[in-house]
């Protein structure tokens, strides 16, 4: 089992940048694919980015070229660098860990990102 704690959310103007961080309570090396999801009230949670145990990445079309997810298997963290933010990026962002061996999924409590002028 792993606990995930997100940080870095806040209010930013359109076109601005924000960096989210997720700290895991145990080693993630070779064990968990790490991801970021987001959810707007009343809508389904959607994938933003995934970083696999081998370092491969996958992004939602809506964030490609603007967001970058990076994992650090020494610090047991995953970060999401968000650039050129748009009002449509406003959501609660959740860190996700999916255990490669059995598919178990763990979630953080989320951090709110608001993009507004």
Protein backbone atom coordinates (compact mmCIF):
# COMPACT_ATOMS: atom_id res chain seq x y z
CA UNK A 1 0.00 0.00 0.00
CA UNK A 2 1.12 3.54 -0.71
CA UNK A 3 -0.09 6.94 0.44
CA UNK A 4 0.08 9.86 -1.96
CA UNK A 5 0.17 13.54 -1.06
CA UNK A 6 -0.19 16.25 -3.68
CA UNK A 7 0.99 19.84 -3.40
CA UNK A 8 1.43 22.90 -5.58
CA UNK A 9 -2.09 23.78 -6.59
CA UNK A 10 -3.40 27.32 -6.57
CA UNK A 11 -4.65 30.24 -8.60
CA UNK A 12 -2.85 31.21 -11.79
CA UNK A 13 -3.65 33.53 -14.67
CA UNK A 14 -4.25 32.22 -18.18
CA UNK A 15 -0.94 31.63 -19.93
CA UNK A 16 0.83 31.08 -16.64
CA UNK A 17 2.60 28.05 -15.22
CA UNK A 18 2.20 25.85 -12.19
CA UNK A 19 4.06 22.81 -10.90
CA UNK A 20 2.33 20.05 -9.00
CA UNK A 21 4.16 17.51 -6.90
CA UNK A 22 3.12 14.15 -5.51
CA UNK A 23 5.05 12.46 -2.74
CA UNK A 24 4.66 8.72 -2.18
CA UNK A 25 5.03 7.13 1.24
CA UNK A 26 7.14 4.26 -0.03
CA UNK A 27 9.37 3.29 -2.90
CA UNK A 28 7.75 3.53 -6.31
CA UNK A 29 10.71 2.12 -8.24
CA UNK A 30 9.61 -0.71 -10.48
CA UNK A 31 6.33 -1.04 -8.60
CA UNK A 32 3.92 1.70 -9.65
CA UNK A 33 3.00 3.46 -12.81
CA UNK A 34 2.43 7.04 -11.67
CA UNK A 35 -0.19 9.33 -13.09
CA UNK A 36 -2.08 12.56 -12.84
CA UNK A 37 -5.81 12.84 -13.32
CA UNK A 38 -8.17 15.77 -13.02
CA UNK A 39 -11.82 16.24 -12.28
CA UNK A 40 -14.27 19.08 -12.72
CA UNK A 41 -17.34 18.98 -10.46
CA UNK A 42 -20.11 17.05 -12.16
CA UNK A 43 -17.78 15.41 -14.67
CA UNK A 44 -15.81 12.19 -14.77
CA UNK A 45 -12.23 12.08 -13.64
CA UNK A 46 -9.96 12.14 -16.69
CA UNK A 47 -6.41 11.12 -17.38
CA UNK A 48 -3.89 13.93 -17.72
CA UNK A 49 -0.57 12.10 -17.82
CA UNK A 50 1.01 8.77 -16.96
CA UNK A 51 4.66 7.90 -16.36
CA UNK A 52 5.37 4.18 -16.41
CA UNK A 53 7.97 2.34 -14.36
CA UNK A 54 10.26 2.39 -17.39
CA UNK A 55 9.85 6.15 -17.79
CA UNK A 56 7.48 6.08 -20.73
CA UNK A 57 4.88 8.81 -20.82
CA UNK A 58 1.37 9.27 -22.14
CA UNK A 59 -0.62 12.50 -22.17
CA UNK A 60 -4.16 13.56 -22.83
CA UNK A 61 -4.45 15.28 -26.21
CA UNK A 62 -5.65 18.43 -24.49
CA UNK A 63 -2.38 18.88 -22.58
CA UNK A 64 0.21 17.60 -25.06
CA UNK A 65 2.98 20.11 -25.57
CA UNK A 66 1.98 22.08 -22.47
CA UNK A 67 2.27 19.63 -19.57
CA UNK A 68 5.25 17.46 -18.61
CA UNK A 69 5.17 14.64 -16.07
CA UNK A 70 8.39 13.39 -14.51
CA UNK A 71 8.99 10.73 -11.92
CA UNK A 72 11.91 10.56 -9.49
CA UNK A 73 12.43 7.03 -8.22
CA UNK A 74 14.98 8.18 -5.66
CA UNK A 75 12.76 10.79 -4.03
CA UNK A 76 9.59 8.74 -4.72
CA UNK A 77 7.86 11.68 -6.33
CA UNK A 78 6.08 12.53 -9.53
CA UNK A 79 5.71 16.08 -10.72
CA UNK A 80 3.49 17.74 -13.30
CA UNK A 81 4.84 20.89 -14.90
CA UNK A 82 1.94 22.80 -16.41
CA UNK A 83 2.65 25.62 -18.86
CA UNK A 84 0.44 27.83 -21.01
CA UNK A 85 -2.45 27.16 -18.69
CA UNK A 86 -5.99 27.76 -19.89
CA UNK A 87 -9.24 28.30 -17.99
CA UNK A 88 -10.30 24.83 -19.19
CA UNK A 89 -7.45 23.38 -17.12
CA UNK A 90 -9.26 24.41 -13.94
CA UNK A 91 -9.93 21.25 -11.93
CA UNK A 92 -8.94 19.22 -8.92
CA UNK A 93 -5.80 17.32 -9.84
CA UNK A 94 -5.22 13.88 -8.36
CA UNK A 95 -2.06 11.85 -8.12
CA UNK A 96 -2.47 8.17 -8.99
CA UNK A 97 -0.34 5.09 -8.45
CA UNK A 98 -1.17 1.84 -10.23
CA UNK A 99 0.67 -1.24 -9.02
CA UNK A 100 2.11 -3.03 -12.03
CA UNK A 101 1.92 -6.49 -10.46
CA UNK A 102 -1.79 -6.66 -9.61
CA UNK A 103 -3.37 -3.45 -10.90
CA UNK A 104 -4.21 -2.04 -7.47
CA UNK A 105 -4.84 1.70 -7.69
CA UNK A 106 -4.18 4.35 -5.10
CA UNK A 107 -5.20 8.00 -5.08
CA UNK A 108 -4.14 11.18 -3.37
CA UNK A 109 -6.69 13.59 -1.96
CA UNK A 110 -6.26 16.09 -4.77
CA UNK A 111 -5.12 19.66 -5.17
CA UNK A 112 -7.16 22.45 -6.74
CA UNK A 113 -5.86 24.32 -9.75
CA UNK A 114 -7.75 27.44 -10.79
CA UNK A 115 -6.86 29.25 -14.00
CA UNK A 116 -8.54 32.62 -14.05
CA UNK A 117 -7.82 36.29 -14.61
